[in-house]
Structures are given as C-alpha cells and as structure tokens.
C-alpha cells in the first residue's frame, strides 16, 4: 500500500485547499511536510498559566512535566492579571523575551553547576509513532533566560547539551511529583555548543534515522554536569542556567513515512468535506473506508463502503488533534486537523 498526502478538493471553485483548511477549524499545516509534535508552539491551552511549575490547568495542551517543574509562559497571563507576572510574556520571572512565534513558550532548568545536578524535563506524546528506518528532521528554537523580574535579573547562564530525546514509554508526572528520570548521557539532538544569544532565538536542528517506533519526545539537558559546559552571562550568576524553548518540530522527510510523499500525482484523492459536525468523503473508483482517530491512535469513528460512494461520519466534539484516514485497496490518504 502506498501512502499519499490528502489531495483535498472542494466542488464548484478553485479554492479547495483554502476552504478545506478553514473548514477544519485549524489545520495543522496545508503543505506536504508533517510535524509530528502536537501543539509545537505551545499556543493551545486549557487555562491561562497562573503560577510557576507547569501546574495542571496552567500548562499547554498535551505537554507534561517529565521531571521536576518547568514553566509555561503566555502573553495572556499579564492581560488576565493586569500586571506583569512570573509567567507573563515578554517579561516574566526568568527573562524578558518575545516568543519565536505566537504568544507562548516554555522554560526549564538546564544546568546548575552545583552538586545536586538539578534538571527539568518536559515531554509530549507524538501525533504518530516514528517509523523504523525513516529519516526525521528535528528542530527547536532556544533562548537563554536573562533579565527576569524575579530571577536572573542581572545575569544568567549558558550551557551546551540542550536537546531532544525520544522514548518508548512515558515518564509524565501527574502532579508536583513523579518517577525519576535518570541521566541518559545521550540524546537524539543536542546543542553541541552553548547557546548564548539572549536577544534572538537560536535554531537547533539535525537529522536522524529512527531505530525504534518511538512514541514520546522529551526536551531538556540529558547529560550529567561532568559532560556539560556551563558559564555565566551578564554581571552575576548563581549557577542557574535556564532555557526558553519554542517552535518544536519532528518532520518526516523520507517518502512514504508518516504520510509523506505522493507516489502517483496523476491519481486524485477522495473528495473530503467538513459540514457542520460531519465529515464526508467521496471516492468514485471502488471500495474504500474512512476512519477518524485521535492523537494517540484511538478510533473515534469508522465506516466502510463496498462501492464507490459517499461516507459521512459524525465529527468528534472533544478538542484535540485528529486524523481522517481514507483507505482504498491500493493507497491511503491522510489529513490531520485540530479542534479548538
């Protein structure tokens, strides 16, 4: 079976792709490249962050603490409280920094230079597991915290080794405590040199070939202090190195992996429409099936047709990431979307 990006069409005009993107409320992206990270810019949220510590109800959707307590920063915090807070944007307890994009970013303790080797990790379940043997481009934007209104007012720190690690199992914390996450002294992507630019966001990127069907992504410094180089930025330093993170991407770049690539562009895809709370798919060339699954692969709705016809499914009502999968005997089409 080959895998194709959904060739979406809209009857009666030439604005099919634009209308489909609008019809899905918020489409992930309408180009072929797929980001497997849900809420990659941390814009989606249940409740505006109200305190430090990545607390339940005050953290970005889908993301969780995997060790200790990072922070979630959003511009809504200042507007909600009519003043600058510890989790506001651009001025917060740790830094004065605008997001790389949008209104939000996260932050975490990366290095302390002391004896306890304190770290904070933040992780998420991928929209789809990685596929063994496929190549992925990894990216995230990094900025060392500096100039906050409570910590790091006149100085901060920088270190190397901030990166991305994939795992098979979760280590997410349900509250303010949870299972340990020992040093790996390994990561799938890391900043080999310390990121020191406190004004601009620095892109950290690389590629790797998946050796397992990894399901989770974790951000942080996964190396012991003895393998990490840390130093001061500014006029004072209390051994704290704290980094802000934005724009996280895991992009499959191998044709046929996670829905990437179109093997036969001469063959049109099914007609897919979103009307009210219903999704309909039409395929004229033989039997086909339609499935709606959520971000972790749970089936939400499904229907099969033995002849070329139209299948209509009730759309999910709960907010989150979903995929509509239309399958024929010879090929599969996928469109991902998010409901707010």
C-alpha atoms as a PDB file:
ATOM      1  CA  UNK A   1       0.000   0.000   0.000  1.00  0.00           C
ATOM      2  CA  UNK A   2       1.320   3.432  -0.830  1.00  0.00           C
ATOM      3  CA  UNK A   3       0.707   6.476   1.317  1.00  0.00           C
ATOM      4  CA  UNK A   4      -0.242   9.857  -0.123  1.00  0.00           C
ATOM      5  CA  UNK A   5      -0.846  13.306   1.254  1.00  0.00           C
ATOM      6  CA  UNK A   6      -4.574  14.016   1.033  1.00  0.00           C
ATOM      7  CA  UNK A   7      -5.461  15.619  -2.296  1.00  0.00           C
ATOM      8  CA  UNK A   8      -8.391  17.628  -0.970  1.00  0.00           C
ATOM      9  CA  UNK A   9     -10.860  19.218  -3.382  1.00  0.00           C
ATOM     10  CA  UNK A  10     -13.887  21.448  -2.930  1.00  0.00           C
ATOM     11  CA  UNK A  11     -16.692  21.357  -5.520  1.00  0.00           C
ATOM     12  CA  UNK A  12     -17.609  24.380  -7.575  1.00  0.00           C
ATOM     13  CA  UNK A  13     -14.498  26.577  -7.337  1.00  0.00           C
ATOM     14  CA  UNK A  14     -10.733  26.632  -7.415  1.00  0.00           C
ATOM     15  CA  UNK A  15     -10.232  27.459  -3.746  1.00  0.00           C
ATOM     16  CA  UNK A  16     -10.319  23.887  -2.486  1.00  0.00           C
ATOM     17  CA  UNK A  17      -7.219  23.885  -0.295  1.00  0.00           C
ATOM     18  CA  UNK A  18      -8.019  27.220   1.335  1.00  0.00           C
ATOM     19  CA  UNK A  19     -11.597  26.273   2.075  1.00  0.00           C
ATOM     20  CA  UNK A  20     -10.636  22.881   3.436  1.00  0.00           C
ATOM     21  CA  UNK A  21      -8.115  24.441   5.785  1.00  0.00           C
ATOM     22  CA  UNK A  22     -10.741  26.829   7.070  1.00  0.00           C
ATOM     23  CA  UNK A  23     -13.356  24.112   7.249  1.00  0.00           C
ATOM     24  CA  UNK A  24     -11.222  22.031   9.604  1.00  0.00           C
ATOM     25  CA  UNK A  25     -11.280  24.923  12.080  1.00  0.00           C
ATOM     26  CA  UNK A  26      -7.486  24.825  12.432  1.00  0.00           C
ATOM     27  CA  UNK A  27      -5.453  22.674  10.028  1.00  0.00           C
ATOM     28  CA  UNK A  28      -2.010  21.591  11.220  1.00  0.00           C
ATOM     29  CA  UNK A  29      -0.346  22.749   8.021  1.00  0.00           C
ATOM     30  CA  UNK A  30      -1.544  22.575   4.449  1.00  0.00           C
ATOM     31  CA  UNK A  31       1.794  21.706   2.894  1.00  0.00           C
ATOM     32  CA  UNK A  32       3.107  18.198   2.479  1.00  0.00           C
ATOM     33  CA  UNK A  33       5.581  18.363   5.353  1.00  0.00           C
ATOM     34  CA  UNK A  34       4.076  16.991   8.562  1.00  0.00           C
ATOM     35  CA  UNK A  35       5.072  17.977  12.084  1.00  0.00           C
ATOM     36  CA  UNK A  36       4.552  15.041  14.448  1.00  0.00           C
ATOM     37  CA  UNK A  37       4.677  17.275  17.540  1.00  0.00           C
ATOM     38  CA  UNK A  38       1.257  18.325  18.861  1.00  0.00           C
ATOM     39  CA  UNK A  39       0.965  21.972  19.895  1.00  0.00           C
ATOM     40  CA  UNK A  40       4.574  22.650  18.777  1.00  0.00           C
ATOM     41  CA  UNK A  41       4.489  26.364  19.641  1.00  0.00           C
ATOM     42  CA  UNK A  42       2.605  25.859  22.956  1.00  0.00           C
ATOM     43  CA  UNK A  43      -0.215  28.152  21.809  1.00  0.00           C
ATOM     44  CA  UNK A  44      -3.089  25.800  22.683  1.00  0.00           C
ATOM     45  CA  UNK A  45      -4.105  25.824  26.341  1.00  0.00           C
ATOM     46  CA  UNK A  46      -6.930  24.935  28.697  1.00  0.00           C
ATOM     47  CA  UNK A  47      -6.364  27.765  31.151  1.00  0.00           C
ATOM     48  CA  UNK A  48      -4.045  30.757  31.032  1.00  0.00           C
ATOM     49  CA  UNK A  49      -0.957  29.986  33.187  1.00  0.00           C
ATOM     50  CA  UNK A  50      -1.442  31.426  36.643  1.00  0.00           C
ATOM     51  CA  UNK A  51       1.675  30.284  38.504  1.00  0.00           C
ATOM     52  CA  UNK A  52       5.100  28.721  38.069  1.00  0.00           C
ATOM     53  CA  UNK A  53       5.716  24.986  37.989  1.00  0.00           C
ATOM     54  CA  UNK A  54       3.829  23.603  34.958  1.00  0.00           C
ATOM     55  CA  UNK A  55       0.762  23.113  37.118  1.00  0.00           C
ATOM     56  CA  UNK A  56      -2.328  21.218  35.997  1.00  0.00           C
ATOM     57  CA  UNK A  57      -4.718  23.651  34.330  1.00  0.00           C
ATOM     58  CA  UNK A  58      -1.900  26.088  33.629  1.00  0.00           C
ATOM     59  CA  UNK A  59       0.219  24.308  31.022  1.00  0.00           C
ATOM     60  CA  UNK A  60      -0.002  23.903  27.238  1.00  0.00           C
ATOM     61  CA  UNK A  61      -2.258  21.188  25.891  1.00  0.00           C
ATOM     62  CA  UNK A  62      -0.629  17.735  25.579  1.00  0.00           C
ATOM     63  CA  UNK A  63       2.660  18.714  27.251  1.00  0.00           C
ATOM     64  CA  UNK A  64       3.593  17.409  30.709  1.00  0.00           C
ATOM     65  CA  UNK A  65       6.451  17.633  33.160  1.00  0.00           C
ATOM     66  CA  UNK A  66       8.678  14.558  32.980  1.00  0.00           C
ATOM     67  CA  UNK A  67      10.978  15.611  35.815  1.00  0.00           C
ATOM     68  CA  UNK A  68      10.574  18.416  38.346  1.00  0.00           C
ATOM     69  CA  UNK A  69       8.734  21.564  37.299  1.00  0.00           C
ATOM     70  CA  UNK A  70       9.423  23.650  34.216  1.00  0.00           C
ATOM     71  CA  UNK A  71       7.322  26.719  33.393  1.00  0.00           C
ATOM     72  CA  UNK A  72       4.704  27.736  30.843  1.00  0.00           C
ATOM     73  CA  UNK A  73       4.775  31.369  29.717  1.00  0.00           C
ATOM     74  CA  UNK A  74       1.933  33.036  27.802  1.00  0.00           C
ATOM     75  CA  UNK A  75       1.020  36.629  26.974  1.00  0.00           C
ATOM     76  CA  UNK A  76      -2.464  36.057  28.382  1.00  0.00           C
ATOM     77  CA  UNK A  77      -1.036  35.970  31.929  1.00  0.00           C
ATOM     78  CA  UNK A  78      -0.355  39.700  32.052  1.00  0.00           C
ATOM     79  CA  UNK A  79      -3.648  40.598  30.408  1.00  0.00           C
ATOM     80  CA  UNK A  80      -5.531  38.352  32.810  1.00  0.00           C
ATOM     81  CA  UNK A  81      -3.921  39.879  35.880  1.00  0.00           C
ATOM     82  CA  UNK A  82      -3.435  43.420  34.507  1.00  0.00           C
ATOM     83  CA  UNK A  83       0.219  43.335  35.550  1.00  0.00           C
ATOM     84  CA  UNK A  84       3.496  41.600  34.815  1.00  0.00           C
ATOM     85  CA  UNK A  85       3.590  38.167  36.431  1.00  0.00           C
ATOM     86  CA  UNK A  86       6.127  35.383  36.852  1.00  0.00           C
ATOM     87  CA  UNK A  87       4.655  33.592  33.804  1.00  0.00           C
ATOM     88  CA  UNK A  88       3.855  36.562  31.535  1.00  0.00           C
ATOM     89  CA  UNK A  89       5.292  37.320  28.084  1.00  0.00           C
ATOM     90  CA  UNK A  90       7.553  39.123  27.327  1.00  0.00           C
ATOM     91  CA  UNK A  91       8.555  39.962  30.935  1.00  0.00           C
ATOM     92  CA  UNK A  92       8.392  37.126  33.443  1.00  0.00           C
ATOM     93  CA  UNK A  93      10.227  35.820  36.475  1.00  0.00           C
ATOM     94  CA  UNK A  94      13.085  34.405  34.442  1.00  0.00           C
ATOM     95  CA  UNK A  95      13.505  36.571  31.362  1.00  0.00           C
ATOM     96  CA  UNK A  96      12.462  39.379  29.068  1.00  0.00           C
ATOM     97  CA  UNK A  97      11.788  37.643  25.733  1.00  0.00           C
ATOM     98  CA  UNK A  98       9.170  37.678  22.996  1.00  0.00           C
ATOM     99  CA  UNK A  99       8.152  34.280  21.555  1.00  0.00           C
ATOM    100  CA  UNK A 100       9.760  32.976  18.393  1.00  0.00           C
ATOM    101  CA  UNK A 101       6.201  32.824  17.053  1.00  0.00           C
ATOM    102  CA  UNK A 102       2.794  33.412  18.590  1.00  0.00           C
ATOM    103  CA  UNK A 103       2.243  34.242  22.253  1.00  0.00           C
ATOM    104  CA  UNK A 104       3.841  31.439  24.244  1.00  0.00           C
ATOM    105  CA  UNK A 105       6.915  29.373  25.077  1.00  0.00           C
ATOM    106  CA  UNK A 106       8.100  27.017  27.795  1.00  0.00           C
ATOM    107  CA  UNK A 107      11.175  27.136  30.042  1.00  0.00           C
ATOM    108  CA  UNK A 108      13.251  24.715  32.064  1.00  0.00           C
ATOM    109  CA  UNK A 109      16.255  24.442  34.350  1.00  0.00           C
ATOM    110  CA  UNK A 110      19.150  23.064  32.260  1.00  0.00           C
ATOM    111  CA  UNK A 111      22.250  23.240  34.484  1.00  0.00           C
ATOM    112  CA  UNK A 112      23.142  24.478  37.944  1.00  0.00           C
ATOM    113  CA  UNK A 113      26.852  23.865  38.324  1.00  0.00           C
ATOM    114  CA  UNK A 114      26.268  22.651  41.857  1.00  0.00           C
ATOM    115  CA  UNK A 115      26.331  19.257  43.496  1.00  0.00           C
ATOM    116  CA  UNK A 116      22.724  18.122  43.023  1.00  0.00           C
ATOM    117  CA  UNK A 117      22.776  18.299  39.178  1.00  0.00           C
ATOM    118  CA  UNK A 118      19.183  19.530  39.127  1.00  0.00           C
ATOM    119  CA  UNK A 119      17.284  19.239  35.806  1.00  0.00           C
ATOM    120  CA  UNK A 120      13.774  19.851  34.491  1.00  0.00           C
ATOM    121  CA  UNK A 121      12.317  17.874  31.564  1.00  0.00           C
ATOM    122  CA  UNK A 122       9.125  18.491  29.603  1.00  0.00           C
ATOM    123  CA  UNK A 123       7.648  15.873  27.257  1.00  0.00           C
ATOM    124  CA  UNK A 124       4.778  15.048  24.914  1.00  0.00           C
ATOM    125  CA  UNK A 125       3.301  12.074  23.080  1.00  0.00           C
ATOM    126  CA  UNK A 126       3.848  12.315  19.330  1.00  0.00           C
ATOM    127  CA  UNK A 127       0.860  12.503  16.993  1.00  0.00           C
ATOM    128  CA  UNK A 128       2.100   9.274  15.398  1.00  0.00           C
ATOM    129  CA  UNK A 129       4.950   6.940  16.407  1.00  0.00           C
ATOM    130  CA  UNK A 130       8.159   7.219  14.437  1.00  0.00           C
ATOM    131  CA  UNK A 131       8.688   4.557  11.783  1.00  0.00           C
ATOM    132  CA  UNK A 132      11.830   2.427  11.939  1.00  0.00           C
ATOM    133  CA  UNK A 133      14.265   3.212   9.129  1.00  0.00           C
ATOM    134  CA  UNK A 134      12.702   6.597   8.328  1.00  0.00           C
ATOM    135  CA  UNK A 135      14.724   9.809   8.449  1.00  0.00           C
ATOM    136  CA  UNK A 136      13.433  12.749  10.510  1.00  0.00           C
ATOM    137  CA  UNK A 137      14.474  16.387  10.654  1.00  0.00           C
ATOM    138  CA  UNK A 138      14.499  17.640  14.257  1.00  0.00           C
ATOM    139  CA  UNK A 139      14.241  21.331  15.161  1.00  0.00           C
ATOM    140  CA  UNK A 140      13.590  23.576  18.108  1.00  0.00           C
ATOM    141  CA  UNK A 141      14.323  27.215  18.985  1.00  0.00           C
ATOM    142  CA  UNK A 142      16.334  28.027  22.088  1.00  0.00           C
ATOM    143  CA  UNK A 143      16.990  31.158  24.121  1.00  0.00           C
ATOM    144  CA  UNK A 144      18.925  31.539  27.410  1.00  0.00           C
ATOM    145  CA  UNK A 145      16.800  33.290  30.033  1.00  0.00           C
ATOM    146  CA  UNK A 146      18.113  36.666  31.161  1.00  0.00           C
ATOM    147  CA  UNK A 147      16.680  39.873  32.608  1.00  0.00           C
ATOM    148  CA  UNK A 148      13.681  38.496  34.507  1.00  0.00           C
ATOM    149  CA  UNK A 149      11.663  40.364  37.093  1.00  0.00           C
ATOM    150  CA  UNK A 150      12.430  37.945  39.939  1.00  0.00           C
ATOM    151  CA  UNK A 151      15.239  35.535  38.994  1.00  0.00           C
ATOM    152  CA  UNK A 152      18.222  36.223  36.701  1.00  0.00           C
ATOM    153  CA  UNK A 153      17.568  39.964  36.883  1.00  0.00           C
ATOM    154  CA  UNK A 154      21.164  40.945  36.141  1.00  0.00           C
ATOM    155  CA  UNK A 155      22.706  37.734  34.907  1.00  0.00           C
ATOM    156  CA  UNK A 156      22.092  34.195  33.776  1.00  0.00           C
ATOM    157  CA  UNK A 157      23.939  31.247  32.381  1.00  0.00           C
ATOM    158  CA  UNK A 158      24.508  29.220  29.233  1.00  0.00           C
ATOM    159  CA  UNK A 159      25.387  25.596  28.640  1.00  0.00           C
ATOM    160  CA  UNK A 160      25.582  23.038  25.877  1.00  0.00           C
ATOM    161  CA  UNK A 161      23.608  19.775  25.535  1.00  0.00           C
ATOM    162  CA  UNK A 162      20.072  21.176  25.466  1.00  0.00           C
ATOM    163  CA  UNK A 163      18.248  18.779  23.197  1.00  0.00           C
ATOM    164  CA  UNK A 164      15.555  16.308  22.204  1.00  0.00           C
ATOM    165  CA  UNK A 165      15.215  12.699  23.327  1.00  0.00           C
ATOM    166  CA  UNK A 166      12.751  10.077  22.055  1.00  0.00           C
ATOM    167  CA  UNK A 167      11.414   7.312  24.288  1.00  0.00           C
ATOM    168  CA  UNK A 168       9.062   4.359  24.020  1.00  0.00           C
ATOM    169  CA  UNK A 169       7.371   4.867  27.401  1.00  0.00           C
ATOM    170  CA  UNK A 170       6.060   7.908  29.218  1.00  0.00           C
ATOM    171  CA  UNK A 171       7.518   9.384  32.395  1.00  0.00           C
ATOM    172  CA  UNK A 172       4.977  12.184  32.773  1.00  0.00           C
ATOM    173  CA  UNK A 173       4.160  13.489  36.217  1.00  0.00           C
ATOM    174  CA  UNK A 174       0.513  13.772  37.178  1.00  0.00           C
ATOM    175  CA  UNK A 175       1.198  16.371  39.864  1.00  0.00           C
ATOM    176  CA  UNK A 176       4.169  18.011  41.550  1.00  0.00           C
ATOM    177  CA  UNK A 177       5.999  14.715  41.984  1.00  0.00           C
ATOM    178  CA  UNK A 178       6.596  11.605  39.948  1.00  0.00           C
ATOM    179  CA  UNK A 179       9.040   8.898  38.912  1.00  0.00           C
ATOM    180  CA  UNK A 180      12.740   9.742  38.451  1.00  0.00           C
ATOM    181  CA  UNK A 181      14.277  10.145  35.018  1.00  0.00           C
ATOM    182  CA  UNK A 182      17.999   9.305  35.292  1.00  0.00           C
ATOM    183  CA  UNK A 183      20.616  10.827  33.009  1.00  0.00           C
ATOM    184  CA  UNK A 184      20.994   9.082  29.678  1.00  0.00           C
ATOM    185  CA  UNK A 185      24.175  10.951  28.727  1.00  0.00           C
ATOM    186  CA  UNK A 186      22.638  10.652  25.271  1.00  0.00           C
ATOM    187  CA  UNK A 187      20.081  12.491  23.159  1.00  0.00           C
ATOM    188  CA  UNK A 188      18.886  12.318  19.566  1.00  0.00           C
ATOM    189  CA  UNK A 189      19.591  16.030  19.082  1.00  0.00           C
ATOM    190  CA  UNK A 190      21.571  18.456  21.226  1.00  0.00           C
ATOM    191  CA  UNK A 191      23.240  21.845  21.127  1.00  0.00           C
ATOM    192  CA  UNK A 192      26.897  20.846  20.878  1.00  0.00           C
ATOM    193  CA  UNK A 193      27.949  24.413  21.750  1.00  0.00           C
ATOM    194  CA  UNK A 194      26.361  26.599  24.437  1.00  0.00           C
ATOM    195  CA  UNK A 195      23.598  28.851  23.090  1.00  0.00           C
ATOM    196  CA  UNK A 196      24.456  32.334  24.374  1.00  0.00           C
ATOM    197  CA  UNK A 197      22.363  34.800  22.322  1.00  0.00           C
ATOM    198  CA  UNK A 198      19.877  36.309  24.779  1.00  0.00           C
ATOM    199  CA  UNK A 199      18.224  38.550  22.160  1.00  0.00           C
ATOM    200  CA  UNK A 200      17.367  36.219  19.278  1.00  0.00           C
ATOM    201  CA  UNK A 201      16.107  32.647  19.155  1.00  0.00           C
ATOM    202  CA  UNK A 202      18.760  30.131  18.087  1.00  0.00           C
ATOM    203  CA  UNK A 203      17.704  27.240  15.845  1.00  0.00           C
ATOM    204  CA  UNK A 204      18.978  23.834  16.962  1.00  0.00           C
ATOM    205  CA  UNK A 205      18.461  21.229  14.257  1.00  0.00           C
ATOM    206  CA  UNK A 206      19.668  17.925  12.881  1.00  0.00           C
ATOM    207  CA  UNK A 207      18.534  14.664  11.273  1.00  0.00           C
ATOM    208  CA  UNK A 208      18.414  11.077  12.463  1.00  0.00           C
ATOM    209  CA  UNK A 209      17.156   7.678  11.308  1.00  0.00           C
ATOM    210  CA  UNK A 210      14.647   6.108  13.700  1.00  0.00           C
ATOM    211  CA  UNK A 211      15.854   2.806  15.163  1.00  0.00           C
ATOM    212  CA  UNK A 212      12.631   2.235  17.122  1.00  0.00           C
ATOM    213  CA  UNK A 213       8.970   3.205  16.873  1.00  0.00           C
ATOM    214  CA  UNK A 214       9.386   5.981  19.443  1.00  0.00           C
ATOM    215  CA  UNK A 215       6.132   7.404  20.810  1.00  0.00           C
ATOM    216  CA  UNK A 216       7.317  10.231  23.075  1.00  0.00           C
ATOM    217  CA  UNK A 217       9.513  13.315  22.790  1.00  0.00           C
ATOM    218  CA  UNK A 218      11.281  14.932  25.760  1.00  0.00           C
ATOM    219  CA  UNK A 219      13.102  18.293  25.933  1.00  0.00           C
ATOM    220  CA  UNK A 220      15.987  19.155  28.239  1.00  0.00           C
ATOM    221  CA  UNK A 221      19.656  18.538  29.059  1.00  0.00           C
ATOM    222  CA  UNK A 222      20.083  14.774  29.420  1.00  0.00           C
ATOM    223  CA  UNK A 223      23.815  14.885  30.279  1.00  0.00           C
ATOM    224  CA  UNK A 224      25.487  14.987  33.680  1.00  0.00           C
ATOM    225  CA  UNK A 225      27.244  18.157  34.814  1.00  0.00           C
ATOM    226  CA  UNK A 226      30.609  16.468  34.213  1.00  0.00           C
ATOM    227  CA  UNK A 227      29.709  16.297  30.493  1.00  0.00           C
ATOM    228  CA  UNK A 228      28.134  19.761  30.331  1.00  0.00           C
ATOM    229  CA  UNK A 229      29.909  23.103  29.898  1.00  0.00           C
ATOM    230  CA  UNK A 230      28.208  25.960  31.738  1.00  0.00           C
ATOM    231  CA  UNK A 231      29.234  29.563  32.279  1.00  0.00           C
ATOM    232  CA  UNK A 232      27.880  32.980  33.240  1.00  0.00           C
ATOM    233  CA  UNK A 233      26.067  35.517  31.072  1.00  0.00           C
ATOM    234  CA  UNK A 234      25.822  39.078  32.386  1.00  0.00           C
ATOM    235  CA  UNK A 235      27.083  40.636  35.561  1.00  0.00           C
ATOM    236  CA  UNK A 236      26.138  37.976  38.079  1.00  0.00           C
ATOM    237  CA  UNK A 237      25.484  34.247  38.117  1.00  0.00           C
ATOM    238  CA  UNK A 238      24.193  31.949  40.801  1.00  0.00           C
ATOM    239  CA  UNK A 239      24.987  28.763  38.856  1.00  0.00           C
ATOM    240  CA  UNK A 240      21.497  28.780  37.289  1.00  0.00           C
ATOM    241  CA  UNK A 241      21.174  28.085  33.558  1.00  0.00           C
ATOM    242  CA  UNK A 242      17.587  28.284  32.411  1.00  0.00           C
ATOM    243  CA  UNK A 243      16.467  27.979  28.774  1.00  0.00           C
ATOM    244  CA  UNK A 244      13.326  29.005  26.932  1.00  0.00           C
ATOM    245  CA  UNK A 245      12.060  26.721  24.136  1.00  0.00           C
ATOM    246  CA  UNK A 246       9.699  27.406  21.216  1.00  0.00           C
ATOM    247  CA  UNK A 247       8.874  26.017  17.762  1.00  0.00           C
ATOM    248  CA  UNK A 248       9.464  22.267  18.282  1.00  0.00           C
ATOM    249  CA  UNK A 249       9.423  20.146  15.113  1.00  0.00           C
ATOM    250  CA  UNK A 250       9.784  16.463  14.235  1.00  0.00           C
ATOM    251  CA  UNK A 251       9.458  16.287  10.454  1.00  0.00           C
ATOM    252  CA  UNK A 252       9.465  13.004   8.494  1.00  0.00           C
ATOM    253  CA  UNK A 253      11.437  13.551   5.286  1.00  0.00           C
ATOM    254  CA  UNK A 254      11.528  10.042   3.810  1.00  0.00           C
ATOM    255  CA  UNK A 255       8.860   9.437   1.156  1.00  0.00           C
ATOM    256  CA  UNK A 256       6.209   7.059   2.423  1.00  0.00           C
ATOM    257  CA  UNK A 257       6.970   7.689   6.103  1.00  0.00           C
ATOM    258  CA  UNK A 258       4.140   9.038   8.279  1.00  0.00           C
ATOM    259  CA  UNK A 259       2.143  10.003   5.191  1.00  0.00           C
ATOM    260  CA  UNK A 260       4.912  11.948   3.438  1.00  0.00           C
ATOM    261  CA  UNK A 261       5.143  11.922  -0.350  1.00  0.00           C
ATOM    262  CA  UNK A 262       2.866  11.390  -3.310  1.00  0.00           C
ATOM    263  CA  UNK A 263       3.786   8.320  -5.323  1.00  0.00           C
ATOM    264  CA  UNK A 264       1.402   8.927  -8.227  1.00  0.00           C
ATOM    265  CA  UNK A 265       0.327  12.566  -8.571  1.00  0.00           C
ATOM    266  CA  UNK A 266      -1.878  11.713 -11.559  1.00  0.00           C
ATOM    267  CA  UNK A 267      -4.384   9.978  -9.273  1.00  0.00           C
ATOM    268  CA  UNK A 268      -6.742  12.366  -7.489  1.00  0.00           C
ATOM    269  CA  UNK A 269      -7.552  11.777  -3.870  1.00  0.00           C
ATOM    270  CA  UNK A 270     -11.008  11.499  -2.392  1.00  0.00           C
ATOM    271  CA  UNK A 271     -13.311  14.466  -2.066  1.00  0.00           C
ATOM    272  CA  UNK A 272     -13.291  15.364   1.634  1.00  0.00           C
ATOM    273  CA  UNK A 273     -15.658  17.933   3.138  1.00  0.00           C
ATOM    274  CA  UNK A 274     -16.405  19.289   6.593  1.00  0.00           C
ATOM    275  CA  UNK A 275     -20.001  20.443   7.016  1.00  0.00           C
ATOM    276  CA  UNK A 276     -21.226  21.362  10.478  1.00  0.00           C
ATOM    277  CA  UNK A 277     -20.231  18.487  12.759  1.00  0.00           C
ATOM    278  CA  UNK A 278     -19.985  15.944   9.947  1.00  0.00           C
ATOM    279  CA  UNK A 279     -17.065  14.776   7.816  1.00  0.00           C
ATOM    280  CA  UNK A 280     -17.914  13.292   4.427  1.00  0.00           C
ATOM    281  CA  UNK A 281     -15.602  11.540   1.976  1.00  0.00           C
ATOM    282  CA  UNK A 282     -16.419  10.587  -1.608  1.00  0.00           C
ATOM    283  CA  UNK A 283     -14.449   8.113  -3.719  1.00  0.00           C
ATOM    284  CA  UNK A 284     -15.731   7.054  -7.162  1.00  0.00           C
ATOM    285  CA  UNK A 285     -13.276   4.309  -8.052  1.00  0.00           C
ATOM    286  CA  UNK A 286     -14.155   1.370  -5.825  1.00  0.00           C
ATOM    287  CA  UNK A 287     -14.454   0.213  -2.208  1.00  0.00           C
ATOM    288  CA  UNK A 288     -12.944   2.409   0.462  1.00  0.00           C
ATOM    289  CA  UNK A 289     -13.091   3.070   4.193  1.00  0.00           C
ATOM    290  CA  UNK A 290     -12.931   6.169   6.383  1.00  0.00           C
ATOM    291  CA  UNK A 291     -11.578   6.317   9.931  1.00  0.00           C
ATOM    292  CA  UNK A 292     -11.225   9.205  12.386  1.00  0.00           C
ATOM    293  CA  UNK A 293      -8.573   8.649  15.066  1.00  0.00           C
ATOM    294  CA  UNK A 294      -7.333  10.885  17.864  1.00  0.00           C
ATOM    295  CA  UNK A 295      -3.778  11.970  18.637  1.00  0.00           C
ATOM    296  CA  UNK A 296      -2.814   8.697  20.312  1.00  0.00           C
ATOM    297  CA  UNK A 297      -4.409   6.459  17.702  1.00  0.00           C
ATOM    298  CA  UNK A 298      -7.731   5.664  19.404  1.00  0.00           C
ATOM    299  CA  UNK A 299     -10.571   5.085  16.957  1.00  0.00           C
ATOM    300  CA  UNK A 300     -13.263   7.770  17.136  1.00  0.00           C
ATOM    301  CA  UNK A 301     -15.440   6.755  14.166  1.00  0.00           C
ATOM    302  CA  UNK A 302     -15.251   4.426  11.172  1.00  0.00           C
ATOM    303  CA  UNK A 303     -17.300   3.388   8.153  1.00  0.00           C
ATOM    304  CA  UNK A 304     -16.734   1.256   5.043  1.00  0.00           C
ATOM    305  CA  UNK A 305     -18.303   1.297   1.590  1.00  0.00           C
ATOM    306  CA  UNK A 306     -18.329  -1.695  -0.773  1.00  0.00           C
ATOM    307  CA  UNK A 307     -18.789   0.524  -3.827  1.00  0.00           C
ATOM    308  CA  UNK A 308     -17.756   4.000  -4.857  1.00  0.00           C
ATOM    309  CA  UNK A 309     -19.988   6.282  -2.808  1.00  0.00           C
ATOM    310  CA  UNK A 310     -20.046   8.947  -0.101  1.00  0.00           C
ATOM    311  CA  UNK A 311     -19.357   8.116   3.536  1.00  0.00           C
ATOM    312  CA  UNK A 312     -20.434  10.565   6.232  1.00  0.00           C
ATOM    313  CA  UNK A 313     -19.167  10.386   9.823  1.00  0.00           C
ATOM    314  CA  UNK A 314     -20.034  12.495  12.845  1.00  0.00           C
ATOM    315  CA  UNK A 315     -17.040  14.652  13.746  1.00  0.00           C
ATOM    316  CA  UNK A 316     -15.554  14.401  17.259  1.00  0.00           C
ATOM    317  CA  UNK A 317     -16.722  17.016  19.730  1.00  0.00           C
ATOM    318  CA  UNK A 318     -13.778  17.000  22.147  1.00  0.00           C
ATOM    319  CA  UNK A 319     -10.983  19.418  21.319  1.00  0.00           C
ATOM    320  CA  UNK A 320      -7.664  17.947  20.267  1.00  0.00           C
ATOM    321  CA  UNK A 321      -5.677  16.577  17.337  1.00  0.00           C
ATOM    322  CA  UNK A 322      -7.323  14.115  14.937  1.00  0.00           C
ATOM    323  CA  UNK A 323      -6.627  12.387  11.638  1.00  0.00           C
ATOM    324  CA  UNK A 324      -9.088  11.475   8.892  1.00  0.00           C
ATOM    325  CA  UNK A 325      -7.795   8.363   7.117  1.00  0.00           C
ATOM    326  CA  UNK A 326      -9.323   7.348   3.775  1.00  0.00           C
ATOM    327  CA  UNK A 327      -8.108   3.951   2.557  1.00  0.00           C
ATOM    328  CA  UNK A 328      -8.640   2.061  -0.703  1.00  0.00           C
ATOM    329  CA  UNK A 329      -7.207  -1.289  -1.715  1.00  0.00           C
ATOM    330  CA  UNK A 330      -4.091   0.317  -3.160  1.00  0.00           C
ATOM    331  CA  UNK A 331      -3.447   3.558  -1.326  1.00  0.00           C
ATOM    332  CA  UNK A 332      -4.126   5.577   1.794  1.00  0.00           C
ATOM    333  CA  UNK A 333      -4.854   9.289   2.211  1.00  0.00           C
ATOM    334  CA  UNK A 334      -4.474  11.206   5.491  1.00  0.00           C
ATOM    335  CA  UNK A 335      -5.482  14.692   6.634  1.00  0.00           C
ATOM    336  CA  UNK A 336      -4.614  15.873  10.153  1.00  0.00           C
ATOM    337  CA  UNK A 337      -6.501  18.617  11.949  1.00  0.00           C
ATOM    338  CA  UNK A 338      -7.122  20.095  15.379  1.00  0.00           C
ATOM    339  CA  UNK A 339     -10.373  21.097  17.027  1.00  0.00           C
ATOM    340  CA  UNK A 340     -10.320  24.037  19.436  1.00  0.00           C
END
